[in-house]
Amino acid sequence: RQVLFSPDVLREKQNSGVIELSPDTMLAV
């Protein structure tokens, strides 16, 4: 949620970097 509401992702509609939630789970939003 912090990444989703960062300026580049929220206002510019750009891809986030890869978010590593755990060693075996990654997310890009």
PDB file of all heavy atoms in Angstrom:
ATOM      1  N   ARG A   1       0.832  -1.211   0.000  1.00  0.00           N
ATOM      2  CA  ARG A   1       0.000   0.000   0.000  1.00  0.00           C
ATOM      3  C   ARG A   1       0.867   1.261   0.000  1.00  0.00           C
ATOM      4  O   ARG A   1       0.525   2.263  -0.634  1.00  0.00           O
ATOM      5  CB  ARG A   1      -0.931  -0.025   1.210  1.00  0.00           C
ATOM      6  CG  ARG A   1      -2.049  -1.055   1.056  1.00  0.00           C
ATOM      7  CD  ARG A   1      -3.106  -0.934   2.156  1.00  0.00           C
ATOM      8  NE  ARG A   1      -2.735  -1.679   3.355  1.00  0.00           N
ATOM      9  CZ  ARG A   1      -2.385  -1.141   4.499  1.00  0.00           C
ATOM     10  NH1 ARG A   1      -2.354   0.180   4.623  1.00  0.00           N
ATOM     11  NH2 ARG A   1      -2.077  -1.893   5.541  1.00  0.00           N
ATOM     12  N   GLN A   2       1.991   1.211   0.676  1.00  0.00           N
ATOM     13  CA  GLN A   2       2.892   2.369   0.680  1.00  0.00           C
ATOM     14  C   GLN A   2       3.425   2.642  -0.722  1.00  0.00           C
ATOM     15  O   GLN A   2       3.496   3.800  -1.168  1.00  0.00           O
ATOM     16  CB  GLN A   2       4.050   2.105   1.644  1.00  0.00           C
ATOM     17  CG  GLN A   2       5.018   3.283   1.773  1.00  0.00           C
ATOM     18  CD  GLN A   2       6.145   2.981   2.744  1.00  0.00           C
ATOM     19  OE1 GLN A   2       6.329   1.842   3.167  1.00  0.00           O
ATOM     20  NE2 GLN A   2       6.903   3.989   3.102  1.00  0.00           N
ATOM     21  N   VAL A   3       3.771   1.585  -1.465  1.00  0.00           N
ATOM     22  CA  VAL A   3       4.263   1.749  -2.836  1.00  0.00           C
ATOM     23  C   VAL A   3       3.155   2.266  -3.742  1.00  0.00           C
ATOM     24  O   VAL A   3       3.365   3.152  -4.575  1.00  0.00           O
ATOM     25  CB  VAL A   3       4.825   0.408  -3.360  1.00  0.00           C
ATOM     26  CG1 VAL A   3       5.113   0.494  -4.857  1.00  0.00           C
ATOM     27  CG2 VAL A   3       6.100   0.037  -2.604  1.00  0.00           C
ATOM     28  N   LEU A   4       1.942   1.725  -3.599  1.00  0.00           N
ATOM     29  CA  LEU A   4       0.831   2.132  -4.464  1.00  0.00           C
ATOM     30  C   LEU A   4       0.516   3.622  -4.332  1.00  0.00           C
ATOM     31  O   LEU A   4       0.110   4.262  -5.307  1.00  0.00           O
ATOM     32  CB  LEU A   4      -0.419   1.318  -4.110  1.00  0.00           C
ATOM     33  CG  LEU A   4      -0.482  -0.105  -4.669  1.00  0.00           C
ATOM     34  CD1 LEU A   4      -1.644  -0.869  -4.066  1.00  0.00           C
ATOM     35  CD2 LEU A   4      -0.603  -0.073  -6.193  1.00  0.00           C
ATOM     36  N   PHE A   5       0.703   4.185  -3.152  1.00  0.00           N
ATOM     37  CA  PHE A   5       0.373   5.589  -2.945  1.00  0.00           C
ATOM     38  C   PHE A   5       1.612   6.484  -2.944  1.00  0.00           C
ATOM     39  O   PHE A   5       1.564   7.622  -2.468  1.00  0.00           O
ATOM     40  CB  PHE A   5      -0.420   5.754  -1.643  1.00  0.00           C
ATOM     41  CG  PHE A   5      -1.834   5.246  -1.765  1.00  0.00           C
ATOM     42  CD1 PHE A   5      -2.141   3.924  -1.502  1.00  0.00           C
ATOM     43  CD2 PHE A   5      -2.852   6.087  -2.193  1.00  0.00           C
ATOM     44  CE1 PHE A   5      -3.435   3.451  -1.635  1.00  0.00           C
ATOM     45  CE2 PHE A   5      -4.145   5.623  -2.329  1.00  0.00           C
ATOM     46  CZ  PHE A   5      -4.450   4.291  -2.049  1.00  0.00           C
ATOM     47  N   SER A   6       2.720   5.962  -3.475  1.00  0.00           N
ATOM     48  CA  SER A   6       3.892   6.815  -3.696  1.00  0.00           C
ATOM     49  C   SER A   6       3.650   7.662  -4.951  1.00  0.00           C
ATOM     50  O   SER A   6       2.866   7.283  -5.826  1.00  0.00           O
ATOM     51  CB  SER A   6       5.146   5.964  -3.861  1.00  0.00           C
ATOM     52  OG  SER A   6       5.041   5.137  -5.006  1.00  0.00           O
ATOM     53  N   PRO A   7       4.296   8.831  -5.083  1.00  0.00           N
ATOM     54  CA  PRO A   7       3.971   9.763  -6.179  1.00  0.00           C
ATOM     55  C   PRO A   7       4.108   9.152  -7.573  1.00  0.00           C
ATOM     56  O   PRO A   7       3.211   9.310  -8.411  1.00  0.00           O
ATOM     57  CB  PRO A   7       4.970  10.902  -5.968  1.00  0.00           C
ATOM     58  CG  PRO A   7       5.274  10.871  -4.500  1.00  0.00           C
ATOM     59  CD  PRO A   7       5.230   9.432  -4.112  1.00  0.00           C
ATOM     60  N   ASP A   8       5.208   8.441  -7.854  1.00  0.00           N
ATOM     61  CA  ASP A   8       5.420   7.909  -9.201  1.00  0.00           C
ATOM     62  C   ASP A   8       4.349   6.899  -9.583  1.00  0.00           C
ATOM     63  O   ASP A   8       3.870   6.874 -10.724  1.00  0.00           O
ATOM     64  CB  ASP A   8       6.799   7.243  -9.305  1.00  0.00           C
ATOM     65  CG  ASP A   8       7.921   8.263  -9.318  1.00  0.00           C
ATOM     66  OD1 ASP A   8       7.614   9.462  -9.502  1.00  0.00           O
ATOM     67  OD2 ASP A   8       9.092   7.872  -9.156  1.00  0.00           O
ATOM     68  N   VAL A   9       3.970   6.054  -8.650  1.00  0.00           N
ATOM     69  CA  VAL A   9       3.000   5.000  -8.955  1.00  0.00           C
ATOM     70  C   VAL A   9       1.580   5.553  -8.953  1.00  0.00           C
ATOM     71  O   VAL A   9       0.776   5.223  -9.834  1.00  0.00           O
ATOM     72  CB  VAL A   9       3.140   3.837  -7.940  1.00  0.00           C
ATOM     73  CG1 VAL A   9       2.098   2.752  -8.216  1.00  0.00           C
ATOM     74  CG2 VAL A   9       4.549   3.249  -7.989  1.00  0.00           C
ATOM     75  N   LEU A  10       1.255   6.426  -7.997  1.00  0.00           N
ATOM     76  CA  LEU A  10      -0.118   6.915  -7.869  1.00  0.00           C
ATOM     77  C   LEU A  10      -0.453   7.960  -8.935  1.00  0.00           C
ATOM     78  O   LEU A  10      -1.474   7.848  -9.628  1.00  0.00           O
ATOM     79  CB  LEU A  10      -0.324   7.504  -6.469  1.00  0.00           C
ATOM     80  CG  LEU A  10      -1.715   8.074  -6.177  1.00  0.00           C
ATOM     81  CD1 LEU A  10      -2.753   6.960  -6.194  1.00  0.00           C
ATOM     82  CD2 LEU A  10      -1.726   8.804  -4.830  1.00  0.00           C
ATOM     83  N   ARG A  11       0.396   8.967  -9.089  1.00  0.00           N
ATOM     84  CA  ARG A  11       0.061  10.073  -9.985  1.00  0.00           C
ATOM     85  C   ARG A  11       0.513   9.824 -11.421  1.00  0.00           C
ATOM     86  O   ARG A  11      -0.194  10.166 -12.368  1.00  0.00           O
ATOM     87  CB  ARG A  11       0.691  11.371  -9.465  1.00  0.00           C
ATOM     88  CG  ARG A  11       0.296  11.738  -8.035  1.00  0.00           C
ATOM     89  CD  ARG A  11      -1.201  11.842  -7.871  1.00  0.00           C
ATOM     90  NE  ARG A  11      -1.590  12.052  -6.478  1.00  0.00           N
ATOM     91  CZ  ARG A  11      -2.805  11.837  -6.010  1.00  0.00           C
ATOM     92  NH1 ARG A  11      -3.765  11.419  -6.828  1.00  0.00           N
ATOM     93  NH2 ARG A  11      -3.080  12.034  -4.732  1.00  0.00           N
ATOM     94  N   GLU A  12       1.707   9.242 -11.570  1.00  0.00           N
ATOM     95  CA  GLU A  12       2.255   9.048 -12.921  1.00  0.00           C
ATOM     96  C   GLU A  12       1.808   7.731 -13.548  1.00  0.00           C
ATOM     97  O   GLU A  12       2.107   7.473 -14.715  1.00  0.00           O
ATOM     98  CB  GLU A  12       3.783   9.096 -12.868  1.00  0.00           C
ATOM     99  CG  GLU A  12       4.365  10.371 -12.263  1.00  0.00           C
ATOM    100  CD  GLU A  12       3.982  11.599 -13.057  1.00  0.00           C
ATOM    101  OE1 GLU A  12       3.812  11.477 -14.298  1.00  0.00           O
ATOM    102  OE2 GLU A  12       3.822  12.677 -12.447  1.00  0.00           O
ATOM    103  N   LYS A  13       1.150   6.872 -12.756  1.00  0.00           N
ATOM    104  CA  LYS A  13       0.673   5.566 -13.254  1.00  0.00           C
ATOM    105  C   LYS A  13       1.825   4.713 -13.793  1.00  0.00           C
ATOM    106  O   LYS A  13       1.663   3.970 -14.769  1.00  0.00           O
ATOM    107  CB  LYS A  13      -0.387   5.758 -14.346  1.00  0.00           C
ATOM    108  CG  LYS A  13      -1.572   6.619 -13.978  1.00  0.00           C
ATOM    109  CD  LYS A  13      -2.451   5.942 -12.951  1.00  0.00           C
ATOM    110  CE  LYS A  13      -3.776   6.671 -12.795  1.00  0.00           C
ATOM    111  NZ  LYS A  13      -3.674   8.072 -12.454  1.00  0.00           N
ATOM    112  N   GLN A  14       2.981   4.793 -13.147  1.00  0.00           N
ATOM    113  CA  GLN A  14       4.138   4.005 -13.571  1.00  0.00           C
ATOM    114  C   GLN A  14       4.213   2.687 -12.815  1.00  0.00           C
ATOM    115  O   GLN A  14       3.690   2.557 -11.695  1.00  0.00           O
ATOM    116  CB  GLN A  14       5.433   4.795 -13.354  1.00  0.00           C
ATOM    117  CG  GLN A  14       5.557   6.028 -14.238  1.00  0.00           C
ATOM    118  CD  GLN A  14       6.891   6.704 -14.074  1.00  0.00           C
ATOM    119  OE1 GLN A  14       7.678   6.361 -13.203  1.00  0.00           O
ATOM    120  NE2 GLN A  14       7.165   7.684 -14.927  1.00  0.00           N
ATOM    121  N   ASN A  15       4.911   1.717 -13.425  1.00  0.00           N
ATOM    122  CA  ASN A  15       5.120   0.437 -12.740  1.00  0.00           C
ATOM    123  C   ASN A  15       5.974   0.653 -11.492  1.00  0.00           C
ATOM    124  O   ASN A  15       6.892   1.473 -11.489  1.00  0.00           O
ATOM    125  CB  ASN A  15       5.855  -0.557 -13.649  1.00  0.00           C
ATOM    126  CG  ASN A  15       5.080  -0.879 -14.906  1.00  0.00           C
ATOM    127  OD1 ASN A  15       3.866  -0.677 -14.965  1.00  0.00           O
ATOM    128  ND2 ASN A  15       5.765  -1.394 -15.909  1.00  0.00           N
ATOM    129  N   SER A  16       5.656  -0.102 -10.471  1.00  0.00           N
ATOM    130  CA  SER A  16       6.535  -0.093  -9.301  1.00  0.00           C
ATOM    131  C   SER A  16       7.738  -0.984  -9.581  1.00  0.00           C
ATOM    132  O   SER A  16       7.763  -1.737 -10.564  1.00  0.00           O
ATOM    133  CB  SER A  16       5.794  -0.638  -8.082  1.00  0.00           C
ATOM    134  OG  SER A  16       5.618  -2.050  -8.203  1.00  0.00           O
ATOM    135  N   GLY A  17       8.729  -0.905  -8.721  1.00  0.00           N
ATOM    136  CA  GLY A  17       9.776  -1.918  -8.753  1.00  0.00           C
ATOM    137  C   GLY A  17       9.226  -3.213  -8.187  1.00  0.00           C
ATOM    138  O   GLY A  17       8.073  -3.287  -7.745  1.00  0.00           O
ATOM    139  N   VAL A  18      10.041  -4.246  -8.197  1.00  0.00           N
ATOM    140  CA  VAL A  18       9.618  -5.533  -7.645  1.00  0.00           C
ATOM    141  C   VAL A  18       9.658  -5.445  -6.116  1.00  0.00           C
ATOM    142  O   VAL A  18      10.677  -5.082  -5.541  1.00  0.00           O
ATOM    143  CB  VAL A  18      10.514  -6.676  -8.147  1.00  0.00           C
ATOM    144  CG1 VAL A  18      10.151  -7.986  -7.458  1.00  0.00           C
ATOM    145  CG2 VAL A  18      10.369  -6.828  -9.656  1.00  0.00           C
ATOM    146  N   ILE A  19       8.535  -5.767  -5.482  1.00  0.00           N
ATOM    147  CA  ILE A  19       8.414  -5.716  -4.016  1.00  0.00           C
ATOM    148  C   ILE A  19       8.601  -7.135  -3.490  1.00  0.00           C
ATOM    149  O   ILE A  19       7.801  -8.028  -3.797  1.00  0.00           O
ATOM    150  CB  ILE A  19       7.045  -5.177  -3.587  1.00  0.00           C
ATOM    151  CG1 ILE A  19       6.749  -3.853  -4.295  1.00  0.00           C
ATOM    152  CG2 ILE A  19       6.981  -5.010  -2.082  1.00  0.00           C
ATOM    153  CD1 ILE A  19       5.295  -3.410  -4.152  1.00  0.00           C
ATOM    154  N   GLU A  20       9.637  -7.353  -2.705  1.00  0.00           N
ATOM    155  CA  GLU A  20       9.887  -8.683  -2.128  1.00  0.00           C
ATOM    156  C   GLU A  20       9.189  -8.760  -0.772  1.00  0.00           C
ATOM    157  O   GLU A  20       9.627  -8.183   0.206  1.00  0.00           O
ATOM    158  CB  GLU A  20      11.385  -8.932  -1.968  1.00  0.00           C
ATOM    159  CG  GLU A  20      11.689 -10.335  -1.463  1.00  0.00           C
ATOM    160  CD  GLU A  20      13.177 -10.632  -1.383  1.00  0.00           C
ATOM    161  OE1 GLU A  20      13.971  -9.811  -1.904  1.00  0.00           O
ATOM    162  OE2 GLU A  20      13.542 -11.652  -0.787  1.00  0.00           O
ATOM    163  N   LEU A  21       8.085  -9.516  -0.729  1.00  0.00           N
ATOM    164  CA  LEU A  21       7.326  -9.664   0.514  1.00  0.00           C
ATOM    165  C   LEU A  21       7.890 -10.763   1.393  1.00  0.00           C
ATOM    166  O   LEU A  21       7.764 -10.717   2.618  1.00  0.00           O
ATOM    167  CB  LEU A  21       5.861  -9.947   0.197  1.00  0.00           C
ATOM    168  CG  LEU A  21       5.131  -8.856  -0.601  1.00  0.00           C
ATOM    169  CD1 LEU A  21       3.683  -9.242  -0.816  1.00  0.00           C
ATOM    170  CD2 LEU A  21       5.226  -7.514   0.118  1.00  0.00           C
ATOM    171  N   SER A  22       8.483 -11.766   0.780  1.00  0.00           N
ATOM    172  CA  SER A  22       9.138 -12.858   1.495  1.00  0.00           C
ATOM    173  C   SER A  22      10.118 -13.482   0.502  1.00  0.00           C
ATOM    174  O   SER A  22      10.076 -13.165  -0.700  1.00  0.00           O
ATOM    175  CB  SER A  22       8.115 -13.884   1.994  1.00  0.00           C
ATOM    176  OG  SER A  22       7.489 -14.535   0.907  1.00  0.00           O
ATOM    177  N   PRO A  23      11.005 -14.360   0.956  1.00  0.00           N
ATOM    178  CA  PRO A  23      11.985 -14.935   0.021  1.00  0.00           C
ATOM    179  C   PRO A  23      11.359 -15.644  -1.177  1.00  0.00           C
ATOM    180  O   PRO A  23      12.003 -15.766  -2.214  1.00  0.00           O
ATOM    181  CB  PRO A  23      12.761 -15.922   0.905  1.00  0.00           C
ATOM    182  CG  PRO A  23      12.662 -15.355   2.278  1.00  0.00           C
ATOM    183  CD  PRO A  23      11.299 -14.739   2.352  1.00  0.00           C
ATOM    184  N   ASP A  24      10.105 -16.101  -1.055  1.00  0.00           N
ATOM    185  CA  ASP A  24       9.492 -16.820  -2.177  1.00  0.00           C
ATOM    186  C   ASP A  24       8.251 -16.122  -2.726  1.00  0.00           C
ATOM    187  O   ASP A  24       7.453 -16.740  -3.436  1.00  0.00           O
ATOM    188  CB  ASP A  24       9.128 -18.254  -1.753  1.00  0.00           C
ATOM    189  CG  ASP A  24       8.106 -18.270  -0.619  1.00  0.00           C
ATOM    190  OD1 ASP A  24       7.816 -17.193  -0.082  1.00  0.00           O
ATOM    191  OD2 ASP A  24       7.613 -19.361  -0.286  1.00  0.00           O
ATOM    192  N   THR A  25       8.072 -14.846  -2.433  1.00  0.00           N
ATOM    193  CA  THR A  25       6.908 -14.109  -2.956  1.00  0.00           C
ATOM    194  C   THR A  25       7.325 -12.698  -3.336  1.00  0.00           C
ATOM    195  O   THR A  25       7.820 -11.943  -2.490  1.00  0.00           O
ATOM    196  CB  THR A  25       5.771 -14.044  -1.922  1.00  0.00           C
ATOM    197  OG1 THR A  25       5.412 -15.368  -1.519  1.00  0.00           O
ATOM    198  CG2 THR A  25       4.556 -13.346  -2.507  1.00  0.00           C
ATOM    199  N   MET A  26       7.117 -12.353  -4.623  1.00  0.00           N
ATOM    200  CA  MET A  26       7.435 -11.020  -5.124  1.00  0.00           C
ATOM    201  C   MET A  26       6.221 -10.459  -5.845  1.00  0.00           C
ATOM    202  O   MET A  26       5.418 -11.211  -6.409  1.00  0.00           O
ATOM    203  CB  MET A  26       8.638 -11.064  -6.072  1.00  0.00           C
ATOM    204  CG  MET A  26       9.928 -11.498  -5.411  1.00  0.00           C
ATOM    205  SD  MET A  26      11.310 -11.510  -6.583  1.00  0.00           S
ATOM    206  CE  MET A  26      12.662 -11.920  -5.479  1.00  0.00           C
ATOM    207  N   LEU A  27       6.136  -9.131  -5.839  1.00  0.00           N
ATOM    208  CA  LEU A  27       4.968  -8.466  -6.406  1.00  0.00           C
ATOM    209  C   LEU A  27       5.421  -7.244  -7.183  1.00  0.00           C
ATOM    210  O   LEU A  27       6.332  -6.534  -6.769  1.00  0.00           O
ATOM    211  CB  LEU A  27       4.037  -8.040  -5.258  1.00  0.00           C
ATOM    212  CG  LEU A  27       2.542  -7.876  -5.537  1.00  0.00           C
ATOM    213  CD1 LEU A  27       1.926  -9.240  -5.826  1.00  0.00           C
ATOM    214  CD2 LEU A  27       1.852  -7.264  -4.324  1.00  0.00           C
ATOM    215  N   ALA A  28       4.803  -7.013  -8.337  1.00  0.00           N
ATOM    216  CA  ALA A  28       4.981  -5.758  -9.066  1.00  0.00           C
ATOM    217  C   ALA A  28       3.587  -5.174  -9.282  1.00  0.00           C
ATOM    218  O   ALA A  28       2.655  -5.895  -9.652  1.00  0.00           O
ATOM    219  CB  ALA A  28       5.671  -5.992 -10.398  1.00  0.00           C
ATOM    220  N   VAL A  29       3.418  -3.874  -9.015  1.00  0.00           N
ATOM    221  CA  VAL A  29       2.085  -3.274  -9.064  1.00  0.00           C
ATOM    222  C   VAL A  29       2.091  -2.027  -9.942  1.00  0.00           C
ATOM    223  O   VAL A  29       3.123  -1.416 -10.194  1.00  0.00           O
ATOM    224  CB  VAL A  29       1.588  -2.901  -7.643  1.00  0.00           C
ATOM    225  CG1 VAL A  29       1.427  -4.136  -6.773  1.00  0.00           C
ATOM    226  CG2 VAL A  29       2.533  -1.902  -6.974  1.00  0.00           C
TER     227      VAL A  29
END
